[in-house]
Protein backbone atom coordinates (compact mmCIF):
# COMPACT_ATOMS: atom_id res chain seq x y z
CA UNK A 1 71.52 86.03 104.46
CA UNK A 2 72.90 86.73 101.10
CA UNK A 3 74.01 90.36 102.12
CA UNK A 4 75.75 88.99 105.07
CA UNK A 5 77.75 86.56 102.80
CA UNK A 6 78.54 89.33 100.36
CA UNK A 7 79.75 91.66 103.18
CA UNK A 8 82.01 88.75 104.49
CA UNK A 9 83.47 88.24 101.03
CA UNK A 10 83.98 91.93 100.36
CA UNK A 11 85.83 92.20 103.93
CA UNK A 12 88.03 89.21 103.02
CA UNK A 13 88.96 90.69 99.63
CA UNK A 14 89.85 94.17 101.21
CA UNK A 15 91.92 92.41 103.85
CA UNK A 16 93.75 90.36 101.09
CA UNK A 17 94.43 93.42 98.82
CA UNK A 18 95.39 95.52 101.84
CA UNK A 19 97.68 92.85 103.01
CA UNK A 20 99.38 92.72 99.54
CA UNK A 21 100.00 96.55 99.42
CA UNK A 22 101.35 96.25 102.99
CA UNK A 23 103.95 93.65 102.12
CA UNK A 24 104.76 95.35 98.92
CA UNK A 25 105.33 98.72 100.69
CA UNK A 26 107.33 96.96 103.41
CA UNK A 27 109.53 95.04 100.91
CA UNK A 28 110.32 98.36 99.15
CA UNK A 29 111.24 99.78 102.61
CA UNK A 30 113.41 96.81 103.47
CA UNK A 31 115.23 97.16 100.15
CA UNK A 32 115.99 100.81 100.94
CA UNK A 33 117.41 99.79 104.25
CA UNK A 34 119.60 97.23 102.62
CA UNK A 35 120.95 99.58 99.90
CA UNK A 36 121.51 102.39 102.48
CA UNK A 37 123.55 99.77 104.64
CA UNK A 38 125.67 98.90 101.57
CA UNK A 39 125.71 102.47 100.37
CA UNK A 40 124.53 101.54 97.04
CA UNK A 41 121.94 102.50 94.50
CA UNK A 42 119.41 99.92 93.10
CA UNK A 43 120.76 100.50 89.59
CA UNK A 44 124.24 99.47 90.65
CA UNK A 45 123.50 96.15 92.13
CA UNK A 46 122.71 92.69 90.42
CA UNK A 47 119.88 90.94 92.48
CA UNK A 48 120.39 87.20 92.38
CA UNK A 49 117.24 86.28 94.55
CA UNK A 50 114.69 88.17 96.65
CA UNK A 51 111.53 87.29 98.56
CA UNK A 52 109.50 87.16 101.68
CA UNK A 53 109.28 84.19 104.12
CA UNK A 54 107.89 83.55 107.54
CA UNK A 55 110.60 82.62 110.05
CA UNK A 56 109.94 82.03 113.85
CA UNK A 57 106.54 83.89 113.33
CA UNK A 58 108.27 86.88 111.82
CA UNK A 59 107.86 88.23 108.22
CA UNK A 60 111.24 88.30 106.75
CA UNK A 61 112.44 89.97 103.43
CA UNK A 62 115.68 88.18 102.18
CA UNK A 63 117.83 89.65 99.36
CA UNK A 64 120.92 88.13 97.79
CA UNK A 65 122.79 90.43 95.37
CA UNK A 66 126.15 91.51 93.98
CA UNK A 67 127.52 94.86 94.40
CA UNK A 68 131.00 95.83 93.21
CA UNK A 69 131.88 92.12 92.77
CA UNK A 70 131.03 91.27 96.23
CA UNK A 71 128.06 89.00 97.04
CA UNK A 72 125.81 90.16 99.83
CA UNK A 73 122.96 88.27 101.68
CA UNK A 74 120.61 90.27 103.90
CA UNK A 75 117.44 89.45 105.83
CA UNK A 76 115.25 92.28 107.23
CA UNK A 77 112.10 91.84 109.58
CA UNK A 78 109.38 93.43 107.59
CA UNK A 79 107.48 94.62 110.77
CA UNK A 80 110.46 96.16 112.66
CA UNK A 81 112.76 97.10 109.49
CA UNK A 82 115.50 95.64 111.43
CA UNK A 83 118.38 93.96 109.71
CA UNK A 84 118.23 90.46 111.29
CA UNK A 85 120.90 88.75 109.27
CA UNK A 86 123.80 89.86 106.98
CA UNK A 87 126.55 88.05 105.07
CA UNK A 88 129.06 89.04 102.51
CA UNK A 89 131.36 86.96 100.51
């Protein structure tokens, strides 16, 4: 019985760690997509806010930033790498 509990705990830990690395990798990919769309380098932007959220059962990465005195607001679906929202002021 103790071995089954230990195995279940280990599987849960592996899923959590794997999920963390998956989201981290996908966030990096989403940031690359955004920067490519704006034609900017990461060193040239000033990030105001960024993070992930679940919207309509979709995992979304949102990033607000300034580039060349223009404020940008992007949202990227982390599973499809599709830009789902974009705004510039």
